Protein backbone atom coordinates (compact mmCIF):
# COMPACT_ATOMS: atom_id res chain seq x y z
CA MET A 1 21.90 -13.49 3.63
CA ARG A 2 25.58 -13.22 2.62
CA PRO A 3 27.53 -10.36 4.31
CA PHE A 4 28.02 -8.38 1.08
CA ALA A 5 24.37 -8.79 0.11
CA GLY A 6 23.40 -7.71 3.60
CA ILE A 7 25.45 -4.54 3.32
CA LEU A 8 23.85 -3.70 -0.03
CA ALA A 9 20.41 -4.25 1.46
CA ALA A 10 21.22 -2.01 4.41
CA ILE A 11 22.53 0.72 2.15
CA SER A 12 19.39 0.61 -0.01
CA VAL A 13 17.19 0.90 3.06
CA CYS A 14 19.44 3.67 4.31
CA ALA A 15 18.62 5.74 1.29
CA ALA A 16 14.92 5.29 1.94
CA LEU A 17 15.24 6.18 5.61
CA SER A 18 17.29 9.31 5.31
CA PRO A 19 19.65 10.78 2.72
CA ALA A 20 22.16 11.65 5.44
CA VAL A 21 22.59 8.16 6.80
CA ALA A 22 23.31 6.75 3.35
CA THR A 23 26.68 8.50 3.39
CA ALA A 24 27.61 8.58 7.05
CA ALA A 25 27.18 6.05 9.85
CA PRO A 26 25.20 7.19 12.90
CA GLU A 27 26.91 8.21 16.10
CA SER A 28 26.93 5.85 19.08
CA GLY A 29 23.15 5.62 19.16
CA LYS A 30 20.45 5.56 21.84
CA SER A 31 20.44 2.61 24.20
CA PHE A 32 16.77 1.82 23.55
CA VAL A 33 14.54 2.59 20.57
CA VAL A 34 10.81 1.84 20.51
CA MET A 35 8.52 1.99 17.47
CA GLY A 36 4.82 1.27 17.68
CA ASP A 37 1.18 2.32 17.66
CA SER A 38 -1.34 3.41 20.28
CA TYR A 39 -0.82 0.21 22.28
CA THR A 40 2.72 1.48 22.71
CA ALA A 41 2.11 5.20 23.11
CA THR A 42 -1.18 4.90 25.05
CA ALA A 43 -1.87 8.29 23.51
CA PRO A 44 -4.07 10.52 25.67
CA LEU A 45 -7.20 11.93 24.10
CA ILE A 46 -6.46 15.37 25.49
CA GLY A 47 -3.13 17.00 24.66
CA GLN A 48 -0.94 17.75 21.69
CA SER A 49 2.62 17.49 20.44
CA ASP A 50 4.59 18.99 17.57
CA ASP A 51 4.46 15.81 15.48
CA GLY A 52 1.00 14.69 16.59
CA CYS A 53 2.41 11.74 18.52
CA MET A 54 1.45 11.98 22.17
CA HIS A 55 2.79 9.57 24.79
CA SER A 56 1.12 8.93 28.12
CA ALA A 57 3.30 9.00 31.22
CA ASN A 58 1.81 5.55 31.90
CA SER A 59 2.82 4.05 28.53
CA TRP A 60 4.88 0.92 28.83
CA PRO A 61 8.00 2.51 27.26
CA ASN A 62 7.85 5.37 29.79
CA GLN A 63 7.35 2.91 32.63
CA LEU A 64 10.19 0.77 31.27
CA ALA A 65 12.46 3.81 31.29
CA ALA A 66 11.54 4.53 34.91
CA LEU A 67 12.23 0.93 35.90
CA GLY A 68 15.54 0.18 34.24
CA ILE A 69 16.97 3.14 32.32
CA PRO A 70 18.60 5.67 34.70
CA ASP A 71 19.25 8.19 31.93
CA ARG A 72 15.86 8.82 30.28
CA SER A 73 17.59 10.47 27.33
CA GLU A 74 18.95 7.04 26.37
CA MET A 75 15.49 5.97 25.18
CA LEU A 76 13.80 7.20 22.02
CA ASP A 77 10.14 6.33 21.58
CA THR A 78 8.82 7.14 18.10
CA SER A 79 5.51 5.31 18.54
CA CYS A 80 2.37 7.10 17.49
CA ASN A 81 -1.36 6.66 17.81
CA GLY A 82 -2.55 5.09 14.55
CA GLY A 83 0.93 3.79 13.69
CA THR A 84 1.12 0.98 11.13
CA ILE A 85 3.66 -1.25 9.47
CA ASP A 86 2.99 0.17 6.02
CA THR A 87 -0.73 0.98 5.73
CA GLY A 88 -1.81 4.54 4.99
CA ASP A 89 0.23 7.72 4.99
CA GLY A 90 0.61 8.23 8.73
CA TRP A 91 3.41 7.15 11.05
CA THR A 92 4.39 3.87 9.40
CA LEU A 93 7.33 1.75 10.54
CA LEU A 94 9.46 3.37 7.84
CA HIS A 95 8.50 6.87 9.01
CA GLN A 96 9.23 6.00 12.62
CA ALA A 97 12.56 4.43 11.71
CA ARG A 98 13.43 7.51 9.66
CA LYS A 99 12.64 9.73 12.64
CA ALA A 100 14.93 7.61 14.82
CA ALA A 101 17.69 7.59 12.18
CA ASP A 102 17.51 11.37 11.86
CA ARG A 103 18.23 11.55 15.59
CA ASN A 104 21.18 9.15 15.28
CA ALA A 105 19.34 6.65 17.48
CA PHE A 106 20.76 3.49 15.85
CA GLY A 107 24.40 2.79 16.60
CA PRO A 108 26.96 0.52 18.29
CA ALA A 109 25.65 1.48 21.73
CA THR A 110 22.04 0.57 20.96
CA ARG A 111 21.00 -2.26 23.26
CA ALA A 112 17.43 -2.91 22.13
CA VAL A 113 15.06 -1.96 19.33
CA LEU A 114 11.45 -2.92 20.06
CA ILE A 115 8.65 -2.92 17.47
CA GLN A 116 4.94 -3.18 18.35
CA LEU A 117 2.95 -2.81 15.13
CA GLY A 118 0.42 -4.58 12.93
CA MET A 119 -2.91 -3.99 14.66
CA ASN A 120 -3.85 -1.01 12.48
CA ASP A 121 -2.78 -2.48 9.13
CA THR A 122 -4.90 -3.87 6.34
CA TRP A 123 -4.23 -7.48 5.39
CA GLY A 124 -5.16 -9.40 2.28
CA GLY A 125 -7.83 -8.06 -0.04
CA SER A 126 -9.95 -6.52 2.70
CA ALA A 127 -9.86 -2.77 3.25
CA GLY A 128 -11.06 -3.25 6.82
CA ARG A 129 -8.90 -2.24 9.77
CA ALA A 130 -9.20 -3.37 13.36
CA PHE A 131 -8.19 0.05 14.69
CA PRO A 132 -8.60 2.95 15.01
CA SER A 133 -12.22 1.91 14.45
CA VAL A 134 -13.95 -0.84 16.42
CA ASP A 135 -17.19 -0.47 14.46
CA CYS A 136 -17.22 -4.17 13.65
CA LEU A 137 -17.39 -5.05 17.33
CA LEU A 138 -20.16 -2.51 17.91
CA ASP A 139 -22.30 -3.69 14.98
CA VAL A 140 -25.28 -5.26 16.75
CA VAL A 141 -26.96 -6.25 13.48
CA ARG A 142 -24.20 -7.94 11.47
CA GLY A 143 -21.84 -8.77 14.30
CA CYS A 144 -18.12 -9.25 13.76
CA GLY A 145 -17.96 -12.84 12.62
CA LEU A 146 -15.71 -14.60 10.15
CA ASP A 147 -17.64 -13.08 7.26
CA ALA A 148 -16.69 -9.52 8.29
CA ALA A 149 -13.37 -9.74 6.42
CA ASP A 150 -15.13 -10.41 3.11
CA GLN A 151 -17.37 -7.40 3.84
CA ASN A 152 -14.35 -5.08 4.30
CA ARG A 153 -15.27 -4.52 7.94
CA LEU A 154 -12.22 -6.32 9.32
CA PRO A 155 -8.71 -7.17 8.09
CA ASP A 156 -8.54 -10.51 6.31
CA TYR A 157 -7.34 -12.71 9.15
CA ARG A 158 -6.54 -15.47 6.63
CA ALA A 159 -3.82 -13.24 5.12
CA VAL A 160 -2.12 -12.54 8.44
CA THR A 161 0.85 -14.90 8.30
CA GLY A 162 4.42 -14.98 9.49
CA ASP A 163 5.63 -14.80 5.89
CA ALA A 164 3.56 -11.68 5.20
CA TYR A 165 4.53 -9.97 8.45
CA ALA A 166 8.22 -10.71 7.96
CA ALA A 167 8.14 -9.40 4.38
CA ARG A 168 6.57 -6.12 5.52
CA ILE A 169 9.16 -5.34 8.21
CA ARG A 170 12.27 -7.01 6.76
CA GLU A 171 13.92 -3.93 5.20
CA VAL A 172 13.70 -1.88 8.38
CA VAL A 173 14.93 -4.83 10.47
CA ASP A 174 17.91 -5.27 8.10
CA TYR A 175 18.71 -1.57 8.40
CA VAL A 176 18.53 -1.63 12.20
CA ARG A 177 20.71 -4.71 12.48
CA TYR A 178 23.32 -3.19 10.15
CA TYR A 179 23.65 0.06 12.09
CA ALA A 180 22.95 -1.35 15.57
CA PRO A 181 24.67 -4.75 15.38
CA ALA A 182 24.75 -5.29 19.15
CA ALA A 183 21.07 -4.53 19.69
CA THR A 184 18.40 -7.02 20.62
CA VAL A 185 15.79 -6.47 17.90
CA ALA A 186 12.37 -7.70 18.93
CA ILE A 187 8.72 -7.71 17.97
CA VAL A 188 6.53 -6.91 20.95
CA GLY A 189 3.15 -8.63 20.84
CA TYR A 190 -0.21 -7.33 21.97
CA PRO A 191 -1.91 -7.92 25.32
CA GLU A 192 -4.87 -10.14 26.00
CA ILE A 193 -7.65 -7.85 24.83
CA PHE A 194 -10.59 -10.24 25.14
CA ALA A 195 -10.95 -13.54 26.95
CA PRO A 196 -9.71 -16.38 24.72
CA ASP A 197 -11.54 -19.52 23.61
CA GLN A 198 -14.98 -17.99 23.27
CA PRO A 199 -16.91 -16.38 20.39
CA ALA A 200 -17.91 -13.19 22.25
CA ALA A 201 -16.10 -9.94 23.02
CA CYS A 202 -16.94 -7.63 25.89
CA MET A 203 -16.10 -3.97 26.49
CA ASP A 204 -16.72 -1.73 29.48
CA LEU A 205 -17.18 1.86 28.32
CA ALA A 206 -17.74 4.95 30.39
CA VAL A 207 -20.65 5.93 28.15
CA GLY A 208 -23.08 3.07 27.55
CA GLY A 209 -21.75 0.71 30.18
CA ARG A 210 -20.91 -2.88 29.26
CA VAL A 211 -21.15 -3.82 25.60
CA VAL A 212 -21.13 -7.48 24.58
CA GLN A 213 -20.68 -8.59 20.99
CA PRO A 214 -21.86 -12.22 20.87
CA ARG A 215 -20.53 -12.71 17.32
CA ALA A 216 -16.88 -11.66 17.51
CA GLU A 217 -15.29 -14.74 15.94
CA GLY A 218 -13.73 -12.73 13.12
CA TYR A 219 -12.16 -10.15 15.38
CA LEU A 220 -10.83 -12.79 17.76
CA ALA A 221 -9.45 -14.81 14.85
CA TYR A 222 -7.64 -11.70 13.65
CA LEU A 223 -6.04 -11.15 17.06
CA ASP A 224 -4.97 -14.80 17.24
CA ARG A 225 -3.50 -14.76 13.74
CA LEU A 226 -1.62 -11.53 14.43
CA GLN A 227 -0.07 -13.06 17.55
CA ASP A 228 1.05 -16.14 15.60
CA ALA A 229 2.31 -14.05 12.67
CA GLN A 230 4.45 -11.87 14.91
CA ARG A 231 5.99 -14.91 16.57
CA ASP A 232 6.64 -16.67 13.24
CA ALA A 233 8.04 -13.52 11.62
CA ALA A 234 10.49 -13.02 14.47
CA GLN A 235 11.74 -16.58 14.00
CA GLN A 236 12.10 -16.11 10.24
CA LEU A 237 14.02 -12.86 10.64
CA GLY A 238 16.27 -14.15 13.40
CA ILE A 239 15.01 -11.61 15.94
CA ARG A 240 13.09 -12.07 19.16
CA PHE A 241 9.42 -12.01 20.12
CA PHE A 242 8.09 -10.79 23.45
CA ASP A 243 4.79 -12.51 24.24
CA VAL A 244 2.70 -9.79 25.88
CA ARG A 245 -0.34 -12.07 25.98
CA SER A 246 1.42 -14.36 28.41
CA VAL A 247 2.11 -11.57 30.91
CA THR A 248 -1.41 -10.12 30.63
CA ALA A 249 -3.36 -13.40 30.60
CA GLY A 250 -6.58 -13.28 32.57
CA HIS A 251 -6.76 -9.49 32.52
CA GLY A 252 -8.63 -8.79 29.29
CA SER A 253 -11.58 -6.48 28.89
CA CYS A 254 -14.46 -7.09 31.34
CA THR A 255 -12.50 -9.45 33.58
CA ALA A 256 -12.47 -9.06 37.36
CA ALA A 257 -9.19 -7.14 37.17
CA PRO A 258 -9.06 -5.74 33.62
CA TRP A 259 -5.84 -4.35 32.17
CA ILE A 260 -7.74 -3.32 29.05
CA SER A 261 -10.13 -0.45 29.53
CA GLY A 262 -9.69 3.29 28.96
CA LEU A 263 -12.26 6.02 29.56
CA THR A 264 -13.32 4.43 32.84
CA GLY A 265 -11.81 6.89 35.30
CA ASP A 266 -11.66 10.61 35.90
CA ASP A 267 -8.18 10.84 34.42
CA SER A 268 -8.78 8.55 31.44
CA PRO A 269 -8.92 11.33 28.82
CA PHE A 270 -5.30 12.03 29.79
CA ALA A 271 -4.18 8.41 29.96
CA GLY A 272 -5.52 6.37 27.09
CA ALA A 273 -8.41 5.23 24.92
CA PRO A 274 -11.13 2.56 24.89
CA VAL A 275 -10.05 -1.04 24.34
CA HIS A 276 -6.44 -0.11 25.06
CA PRO A 277 -4.16 -0.92 28.00
CA ASN A 278 -4.72 0.93 31.24
CA ALA A 279 -1.89 1.95 33.57
CA ALA A 280 -1.82 -1.44 35.32
CA GLY A 281 -1.62 -3.26 32.01
CA ASN A 282 1.26 -1.10 30.87
CA THR A 283 3.02 -1.71 34.18
CA ALA A 284 2.81 -5.45 33.56
CA VAL A 285 4.26 -5.04 30.06
CA ALA A 286 7.05 -2.72 31.25
CA THR A 287 7.97 -5.07 34.09
CA GLY A 288 7.91 -8.07 31.76
CA VAL A 289 10.11 -6.36 29.15
CA GLU A 290 12.55 -5.19 31.85
CA ARG A 291 13.02 -8.74 33.12
CA TRP A 292 13.10 -10.18 29.60
CA LEU A 293 15.86 -7.77 28.54
CA GLY A 294 17.73 -8.29 31.81
CA LEU A 295 17.88 -4.62 32.75
């Protein structure tokens, strides 16, 4: 994109994000800004906040702050349980970016802007969503195979592409890069949720014990396509991709040392949700991001 065209694009996004920032540049900015969904916030099931967006003390952004950010006020985490790129009327990427812009979080001093979104969105012609519901995985009659997308029980994995992902986040990325030109802008991937290279998915739940879905090909295909789309979109947009799968490999749900669980311990209602990262998984992500950013 030519410089002048880029400025016009940033200004147009500015107007969408916040009327104030369309006329005045932000202040110096926060050092780190995080936008994401429940895999970012690890929202506890018990608790509340003014905006409805709870963050566990064990979330990877909070652990990242403890590891490499001496001044906690230099990080702003606008992630929210149920967050999406642009699906629904909840805390979309635009809403989260607007919240950050209203707090003057993007500026010359911003070092990194990290985005972990896409899991909760609809894709293609299917109205199905992978989260917050996992009904497809728990359907013992129909399973969660490749046909689930055509039955509106799962996002259409065939529509999850780098082109589509890039198109859905491009305006916010352009805005961030205009107002935080020194920042590393990155898409953060998702952890290994289920063991790869097999058709089944397994979940350990506090109520009901171990649940195995032998026909999970559709769900697993969706996770694989989302991983590839995030990587491809980052390349197209000229930003970076942090491969969370690589740092959580071998620790999916039902493994010997799972980093995906939730609701398995006495404190789990305060720390997370089923089929989401546990504290150890978030530690691995935080440590990996810290090293990757060179903090």
